[in-house]
Amino acid sequence: MIIRSLLLVLACSSALFAQTATPEPMPKSAATDKPPTKTSTATAEHYRWGGVSDGWHLLKRDDLSVIQERVPPGGAEVMHYHKTSRQFFYVVKGEAVMALAEVRIVLRAGEGLEIPPGVAHQLRNESTEDVHFLVVSMPRSHGDKFTAE
């Protein structure tokens, strides 16, 4: 009885392994029906903001946006909020200050901060070096930006 049970377990395990060992076809992107492709600041759509800062749309979809940005010393966004977009800021290099109403949060390389919809915020570079960071927005924040009073 024990041997028969072990043989059954081995047979099921072999069948499962055979199913998972077969490579799946490459998935297609839901937004474009094209195979996934890599991106970088060299290939992504670039834009300037605030006259001195750079942004690269690494992923630009209606439901999800990933942007890499560079803000030089003294550069800053205006205080604003998003009605529907939830954002996550992640500093890759340098140091940024996120102003939230009366709170000032310093973000260093390797640190991030979530900003829920409706929360007024302003990213500033008060350091002497460029700050490089990622902004992940869900859904995208372009078209959903309102200046805070």
C-alpha atoms as a PDB file:
ATOM      1  CA  MET A   1       0.000   0.000   0.000  1.00  0.00           C
ATOM      2  CA  ILE A   2       2.790   2.446   0.878  1.00  0.00           C
ATOM      3  CA  ILE A   3       4.694   1.592  -2.306  1.00  0.00           C
ATOM      4  CA  ARG A   4       1.580   2.094  -4.427  1.00  0.00           C
ATOM      5  CA  SER A   5       0.994   5.527  -2.772  1.00  0.00           C
ATOM      6  CA  LEU A   6       4.622   6.530  -3.393  1.00  0.00           C
ATOM      7  CA  LEU A   7       4.372   5.475  -7.043  1.00  0.00           C
ATOM      8  CA  LEU A   8       1.191   7.533  -7.430  1.00  0.00           C
ATOM      9  CA  VAL A   9       2.880  10.612  -5.882  1.00  0.00           C
ATOM     10  CA  LEU A  10       5.915  10.162  -8.164  1.00  0.00           C
ATOM     11  CA  ALA A  11       3.693   9.796 -11.241  1.00  0.00           C
ATOM     12  CA  CYS A  12       1.756  12.967 -10.371  1.00  0.00           C
ATOM     13  CA  SER A  13       4.973  14.873  -9.621  1.00  0.00           C
ATOM     14  CA  SER A  14       6.509  13.778 -12.932  1.00  0.00           C
ATOM     15  CA  ALA A  15       3.419  14.866 -14.833  1.00  0.00           C
ATOM     16  CA  LEU A  16       3.393  18.244 -13.056  1.00  0.00           C
ATOM     17  CA  PHE A  17       7.111  18.751 -13.717  1.00  0.00           C
ATOM     18  CA  ALA A  18       6.640  17.902 -17.380  1.00  0.00           C
ATOM     19  CA  GLN A  19       3.889  20.530 -17.623  1.00  0.00           C
ATOM     20  CA  THR A  20       5.902  23.279 -15.906  1.00  0.00           C
ATOM     21  CA  ALA A  21       9.172  22.451 -17.675  1.00  0.00           C
ATOM     22  CA  THR A  22       7.661  23.347 -21.071  1.00  0.00           C
ATOM     23  CA  PRO A  23       8.324  27.024 -21.804  1.00  0.00           C
ATOM     24  CA  GLU A  24       5.261  29.190 -22.244  1.00  0.00           C
ATOM     25  CA  PRO A  25       4.932  31.427 -25.308  1.00  0.00           C
ATOM     26  CA  MET A  26       6.073  35.014 -24.708  1.00  0.00           C
ATOM     27  CA  PRO A  27       3.179  37.046 -23.251  1.00  0.00           C
ATOM     28  CA  LYS A  28       1.897  40.056 -25.119  1.00  0.00           C
ATOM     29  CA  SER A  29       1.361  43.464 -23.600  1.00  0.00           C
ATOM     30  CA  ALA A  30      -2.314  44.083 -22.821  1.00  0.00           C
ATOM     31  CA  ALA A  31      -1.958  47.703 -23.903  1.00  0.00           C
ATOM     32  CA  THR A  32      -0.343  47.108 -27.301  1.00  0.00           C
ATOM     33  CA  ASP A  33      -0.613  43.384 -28.166  1.00  0.00           C
ATOM     34  CA  LYS A  34       3.134  43.482 -28.847  1.00  0.00           C
ATOM     35  CA  PRO A  35       5.781  41.408 -27.077  1.00  0.00           C
ATOM     36  CA  PRO A  36       7.317  43.188 -24.053  1.00  0.00           C
ATOM     37  CA  THR A  37      10.330  45.322 -24.919  1.00  0.00           C
ATOM     38  CA  LYS A  38      13.001  46.863 -22.757  1.00  0.00           C
ATOM     39  CA  THR A  39      13.232  50.615 -22.318  1.00  0.00           C
ATOM     40  CA  SER A  40      15.724  53.180 -21.044  1.00  0.00           C
ATOM     41  CA  THR A  41      16.227  56.927 -20.979  1.00  0.00           C
ATOM     42  CA  ALA A  42      17.994  56.533 -24.343  1.00  0.00           C
ATOM     43  CA  THR A  43      14.859  55.103 -25.988  1.00  0.00           C
ATOM     44  CA  ALA A  44      11.987  56.562 -23.912  1.00  0.00           C
ATOM     45  CA  GLU A  45       9.932  59.647 -24.777  1.00  0.00           C
ATOM     46  CA  HIS A  46      11.652  62.670 -23.167  1.00  0.00           C
ATOM     47  CA  TYR A  47      10.109  65.918 -21.925  1.00  0.00           C
ATOM     48  CA  ARG A  48      11.275  69.025 -20.013  1.00  0.00           C
ATOM     49  CA  TRP A  49       9.400  70.513 -17.107  1.00  0.00           C
ATOM     50  CA  GLY A  50       9.973  73.538 -14.906  1.00  0.00           C
ATOM     51  CA  GLY A  51      12.435  74.829 -17.501  1.00  0.00           C
ATOM     52  CA  VAL A  52      15.330  72.833 -16.018  1.00  0.00           C
ATOM     53  CA  SER A  53      14.133  69.313 -15.171  1.00  0.00           C
ATOM     54  CA  ASP A  54      13.946  66.205 -17.367  1.00  0.00           C
ATOM     55  CA  GLY A  55      11.467  63.351 -17.508  1.00  0.00           C
ATOM     56  CA  TRP A  56      11.461  60.087 -19.482  1.00  0.00           C
ATOM     57  CA  HIS A  57       8.287  58.025 -19.959  1.00  0.00           C
ATOM     58  CA  LEU A  58       9.653  54.521 -19.343  1.00  0.00           C
ATOM     59  CA  LEU A  59       6.091  53.152 -19.367  1.00  0.00           C
ATOM     60  CA  LYS A  60       3.239  55.324 -20.619  1.00  0.00           C
ATOM     61  CA  ARG A  61      -0.177  53.705 -20.346  1.00  0.00           C
ATOM     62  CA  ASP A  62      -3.514  55.038 -19.151  1.00  0.00           C
ATOM     63  CA  ASP A  63      -3.632  52.598 -16.226  1.00  0.00           C
ATOM     64  CA  LEU A  64       0.057  52.763 -15.213  1.00  0.00           C
ATOM     65  CA  SER A  65       2.905  55.210 -15.719  1.00  0.00           C
ATOM     66  CA  VAL A  66       6.588  54.888 -14.840  1.00  0.00           C
ATOM     67  CA  ILE A  67       8.693  58.013 -15.296  1.00  0.00           C
ATOM     68  CA  GLN A  68      12.362  58.592 -14.536  1.00  0.00           C
ATOM     69  CA  GLU A  69      13.099  62.211 -13.694  1.00  0.00           C
ATOM     70  CA  ARG A  70      16.132  64.387 -13.082  1.00  0.00           C
ATOM     71  CA  VAL A  71      15.894  67.608 -11.086  1.00  0.00           C
ATOM     72  CA  PRO A  72      18.958  69.862 -10.778  1.00  0.00           C
ATOM     73  CA  PRO A  73      19.880  71.726  -7.575  1.00  0.00           C
ATOM     74  CA  GLY A  74      17.228  74.347  -6.799  1.00  0.00           C
ATOM     75  CA  GLY A  75      14.651  72.724  -9.102  1.00  0.00           C
ATOM     76  CA  ALA A  76      11.132  72.093  -7.819  1.00  0.00           C
ATOM     77  CA  GLU A  77       7.650  71.095  -8.900  1.00  0.00           C
ATOM     78  CA  VAL A  78       4.695  73.309  -7.965  1.00  0.00           C
ATOM     79  CA  MET A  79       2.604  72.232  -4.977  1.00  0.00           C
ATOM     80  CA  HIS A  80      -0.163  70.105  -6.492  1.00  0.00           C
ATOM     81  CA  TYR A  81      -2.396  67.062  -6.030  1.00  0.00           C
ATOM     82  CA  HIS A  82      -4.027  64.376  -8.154  1.00  0.00           C
ATOM     83  CA  LYS A  83      -7.709  63.475  -7.844  1.00  0.00           C
ATOM     84  CA  THR A  84      -7.362  59.845  -8.958  1.00  0.00           C
ATOM     85  CA  SER A  85      -3.679  59.049  -9.369  1.00  0.00           C
ATOM     86  CA  ARG A  86      -1.758  57.284  -6.596  1.00  0.00           C
ATOM     87  CA  GLN A  87       1.981  57.895  -6.877  1.00  0.00           C
ATOM     88  CA  PHE A  88       5.158  56.321  -5.561  1.00  0.00           C
ATOM     89  CA  PHE A  89       8.406  58.297  -5.659  1.00  0.00           C
ATOM     90  CA  TYR A  90      11.686  56.346  -5.400  1.00  0.00           C
ATOM     91  CA  VAL A  91      15.051  58.135  -5.291  1.00  0.00           C
ATOM     92  CA  VAL A  92      17.703  56.392  -7.381  1.00  0.00           C
ATOM     93  CA  LYS A  93      20.528  58.921  -6.907  1.00  0.00           C
ATOM     94  CA  GLY A  94      20.873  62.062  -4.840  1.00  0.00           C
ATOM     95  CA  GLU A  95      18.502  63.587  -2.314  1.00  0.00           C
ATOM     96  CA  ALA A  96      14.992  65.024  -2.705  1.00  0.00           C
ATOM     97  CA  VAL A  97      12.656  66.837  -0.370  1.00  0.00           C
ATOM     98  CA  MET A  98       8.948  66.046  -0.538  1.00  0.00           C
ATOM     99  CA  ALA A  99       6.828  68.823   0.929  1.00  0.00           C
ATOM    100  CA  LEU A 100       3.379  67.752   2.152  1.00  0.00           C
ATOM    101  CA  ALA A 101       1.363  70.656   3.597  1.00  0.00           C
ATOM    102  CA  GLU A 102       3.424  71.491   6.712  1.00  0.00           C
ATOM    103  CA  VAL A 103       5.590  68.353   6.659  1.00  0.00           C
ATOM    104  CA  ARG A 104       8.986  68.113   4.940  1.00  0.00           C
ATOM    105  CA  ILE A 105      10.314  64.596   4.202  1.00  0.00           C
ATOM    106  CA  VAL A 106      13.883  64.040   3.017  1.00  0.00           C
ATOM    107  CA  LEU A 107      14.290  61.116   0.619  1.00  0.00           C
ATOM    108  CA  ARG A 108      17.766  59.730  -0.056  1.00  0.00           C
ATOM    109  CA  ALA A 109      18.931  57.163  -2.637  1.00  0.00           C
ATOM    110  CA  GLY A 110      17.175  53.866  -1.991  1.00  0.00           C
ATOM    111  CA  GLU A 111      14.182  55.475  -0.231  1.00  0.00           C
ATOM    112  CA  GLY A 112      10.644  55.962  -1.494  1.00  0.00           C
ATOM    113  CA  LEU A 113       7.334  57.529  -0.510  1.00  0.00           C
ATOM    114  CA  GLU A 114       3.723  56.829  -1.506  1.00  0.00           C
ATOM    115  CA  ILE A 115       1.434  59.783  -2.196  1.00  0.00           C
ATOM    116  CA  PRO A 116      -2.291  58.854  -2.137  1.00  0.00           C
ATOM    117  CA  PRO A 117      -4.820  60.675  -4.340  1.00  0.00           C
ATOM    118  CA  GLY A 118      -5.893  64.067  -2.968  1.00  0.00           C
ATOM    119  CA  VAL A 119      -2.671  64.702  -1.001  1.00  0.00           C
ATOM    120  CA  ALA A 120      -0.948  67.969  -1.980  1.00  0.00           C
ATOM    121  CA  HIS A 121       2.780  67.481  -2.554  1.00  0.00           C
ATOM    122  CA  GLN A 122       5.839  69.156  -4.012  1.00  0.00           C
ATOM    123  CA  LEU A 123       9.164  67.515  -4.858  1.00  0.00           C
ATOM    124  CA  ARG A 124      12.162  69.820  -4.465  1.00  0.00           C
ATOM    125  CA  ASN A 125      15.907  69.466  -4.839  1.00  0.00           C
ATOM    126  CA  GLU A 126      17.485  71.479  -2.017  1.00  0.00           C
ATOM    127  CA  SER A 127      20.854  69.720  -2.400  1.00  0.00           C
ATOM    128  CA  THR A 128      23.924  70.680  -4.435  1.00  0.00           C
ATOM    129  CA  GLU A 129      23.699  67.640  -6.772  1.00  0.00           C
ATOM    130  CA  ASP A 130      21.145  66.420  -9.325  1.00  0.00           C
ATOM    131  CA  VAL A 131      18.470  64.104  -7.948  1.00  0.00           C
ATOM    132  CA  HIS A 132      17.340  61.154 -10.083  1.00  0.00           C
ATOM    133  CA  PHE A 133      14.128  59.350  -9.147  1.00  0.00           C
ATOM    134  CA  LEU A 134      11.304  57.189 -10.430  1.00  0.00           C
ATOM    135  CA  VAL A 135       7.647  58.189 -10.249  1.00  0.00           C
ATOM    136  CA  VAL A 136       5.158  55.335 -10.558  1.00  0.00           C
ATOM    137  CA  SER A 137       1.570  56.529 -11.041  1.00  0.00           C
ATOM    138  CA  MET A 138      -1.615  54.479 -11.105  1.00  0.00           C
ATOM    139  CA  PRO A 139      -3.519  55.502 -13.126  1.00  0.00           C
ATOM    140  CA  ARG A 140      -1.237  57.905 -14.985  1.00  0.00           C
ATOM    141  CA  SER A 141      -0.992  61.382 -13.466  1.00  0.00           C
ATOM    142  CA  HIS A 142      -0.730  63.420 -16.686  1.00  0.00           C
ATOM    143  CA  GLY A 143      -4.080  65.139 -17.118  1.00  0.00           C
ATOM    144  CA  ASP A 144      -4.871  64.664 -13.409  1.00  0.00           C
ATOM    145  CA  LYS A 145      -2.781  67.478 -11.907  1.00  0.00           C
ATOM    146  CA  PHE A 146      -4.323  70.326  -9.918  1.00  0.00           C
ATOM    147  CA  THR A 147      -2.437  73.212  -8.333  1.00  0.00           C
ATOM    148  CA  ALA A 148      -2.838  73.302  -4.556  1.00  0.00           C
ATOM    149  CA  GLU A 149      -3.774  76.606  -2.955  1.00  0.00           C
END
